[in-house]
Amino acid sequence: MEISINIPDDLALRLTSVSQQLPEILELGLREWSALEQPGFSGLADVLEFFAALPSAEEILALKPTAVLQQRVEELLTKTQTVGLTETEERWWQHYEYVEHLVRIAKAKALVKV
């Protein structure tokens, strides 16, 4: 199926280099978009998948947020101090805080093991 859409010029430039991967990018984007309306951990799946792989204590201690996750956190912190968060952003922030809490617990337990 072929679909035509109008997008801003800056987005078109960014998409030029990944045009072959557009179906996959759209699929991932739609999953993320759908997840925003669901209770869960949208945008935090990497952390959950990391723990699902049963990492070693050393791997847990070395765990750091991805650049994308760190950027999202910083954006929301800034937005909290200026205009405030939307309901969806507030829900994401609560999920982030919960996952961050779990990471801190895992790191404390991992520190005892090394």
Protein backbone atom coordinates (compact mmCIF):
# COMPACT_ATOMS: atom_id res chain seq x y z
CA MET A 1 0.00 0.00 0.00
CA GLU A 2 1.24 3.48 -0.75
CA ILE A 3 0.47 6.42 1.53
CA SER A 4 1.34 10.08 0.90
CA ILE A 5 1.70 12.55 3.75
CA ASN A 6 2.88 16.13 4.16
CA ILE A 7 5.60 16.60 6.78
CA PRO A 8 7.73 19.56 7.87
CA ASP A 9 10.92 20.14 5.88
CA ASP A 10 13.22 19.49 8.85
CA LEU A 11 11.60 16.09 9.44
CA ALA A 12 11.85 15.26 5.74
CA LEU A 13 15.58 15.95 5.85
CA ARG A 14 16.02 13.67 8.85
CA LEU A 15 14.04 10.89 7.19
CA THR A 16 16.00 11.02 3.93
CA SER A 17 18.91 9.02 5.34
CA VAL A 18 16.63 6.31 6.76
CA SER A 19 14.07 6.04 3.97
CA GLN A 20 14.61 2.28 3.62
CA GLN A 21 13.74 1.77 7.29
CA LEU A 22 10.56 3.89 7.28
CA PRO A 23 8.15 0.94 7.68
CA GLU A 24 10.06 -0.24 10.77
CA ILE A 25 10.32 3.31 12.14
CA LEU A 26 6.57 3.81 11.69
CA GLU A 27 5.83 0.47 13.37
CA LEU A 28 7.99 1.35 16.38
CA GLY A 29 6.46 4.82 16.53
CA LEU A 30 2.93 3.43 16.43
CA ARG A 31 3.74 1.00 19.24
CA GLU A 32 5.15 3.83 21.33
CA TRP A 33 2.18 6.05 20.51
CA SER A 34 -0.27 3.31 21.52
CA ALA A 35 1.66 2.68 24.72
CA LEU A 36 1.20 6.30 25.80
CA GLU A 37 -2.49 5.60 26.39
CA GLN A 38 -1.85 2.34 28.23
CA PRO A 39 -0.68 1.98 31.79
CA GLY A 40 2.86 0.71 31.58
CA PHE A 41 6.41 1.76 30.91
CA SER A 42 6.41 3.54 27.56
CA GLY A 43 9.90 4.67 26.71
CA LEU A 44 11.40 2.63 29.55
CA ALA A 45 11.29 -0.76 27.88
CA ASP A 46 15.08 -0.90 27.51
CA VAL A 47 15.51 -0.95 31.28
CA LEU A 48 12.90 -3.66 31.74
CA GLU A 49 14.40 -5.77 28.95
CA PHE A 50 17.83 -5.37 30.57
CA PHE A 51 16.54 -6.84 33.83
CA ALA A 52 14.64 -9.57 32.00
CA ALA A 53 18.01 -10.78 30.68
CA LEU A 54 19.10 -11.49 34.30
CA PRO A 55 22.26 -9.36 34.29
CA SER A 56 25.22 -9.92 36.58
CA ALA A 57 25.81 -7.69 39.60
CA GLU A 58 28.57 -5.90 37.69
CA GLU A 59 26.25 -5.24 34.74
CA ILE A 60 23.60 -3.85 37.08
CA LEU A 61 26.11 -1.51 38.72
CA ALA A 62 27.25 -0.30 35.29
CA LEU A 63 23.67 0.41 34.12
CA LYS A 64 23.15 3.99 32.98
CA PRO A 65 20.22 5.61 31.18
CA THR A 66 20.43 5.75 27.41
CA ALA A 67 21.04 9.15 25.86
CA VAL A 68 17.43 9.17 24.61
CA LEU A 69 16.04 8.39 28.07
CA GLN A 70 18.31 10.97 29.72
CA GLN A 71 17.20 13.60 27.21
CA ARG A 72 13.51 12.81 27.83
CA VAL A 73 14.02 13.11 31.60
CA GLU A 74 15.80 16.45 31.20
CA GLU A 75 13.07 17.76 28.89
CA LEU A 76 10.36 16.84 31.37
CA LEU A 77 12.28 18.31 34.30
CA THR A 78 12.58 21.59 32.42
CA LYS A 79 8.93 21.50 31.41
CA THR A 80 7.91 20.82 35.02
CA GLN A 81 9.66 24.00 36.11
CA THR A 82 8.18 26.13 33.31
CA VAL A 83 4.80 25.25 31.80
CA GLY A 84 4.01 22.01 33.62
CA LEU A 85 3.39 18.51 32.32
CA THR A 86 0.43 17.22 30.37
CA GLU A 87 -1.53 14.32 31.82
CA THR A 88 0.28 11.87 29.52
CA GLU A 89 3.68 13.30 30.46
CA GLU A 90 2.81 13.13 34.14
CA ARG A 91 1.84 9.47 33.75
CA TRP A 92 5.16 8.77 31.94
CA TRP A 93 7.05 10.59 34.71
CA GLN A 94 5.38 8.44 37.38
CA HIS A 95 6.40 5.31 35.47
CA TYR A 96 9.94 6.64 35.16
CA GLU A 97 10.13 7.33 38.90
CA TYR A 98 8.97 3.79 39.65
CA VAL A 99 11.52 2.22 37.29
CA GLU A 100 14.24 4.47 38.70
CA HIS A 101 13.30 3.25 42.18
CA LEU A 102 13.61 -0.38 41.03
CA VAL A 103 17.01 0.35 39.47
CA ARG A 104 18.24 1.88 42.74
CA ILE A 105 17.09 -1.20 44.67
CA ALA A 106 18.80 -3.51 42.15
CA LYS A 107 22.02 -1.50 42.35
CA ALA A 108 22.00 -1.58 46.16
CA LYS A 109 21.54 -5.36 46.14
CA ALA A 110 24.18 -5.79 43.43
CA LEU A 111 26.67 -3.74 45.45
CA VAL A 112 26.34 -6.23 48.32
CA LYS A 113 27.18 -9.10 45.96
CA VAL A 114 30.41 -7.69 44.54
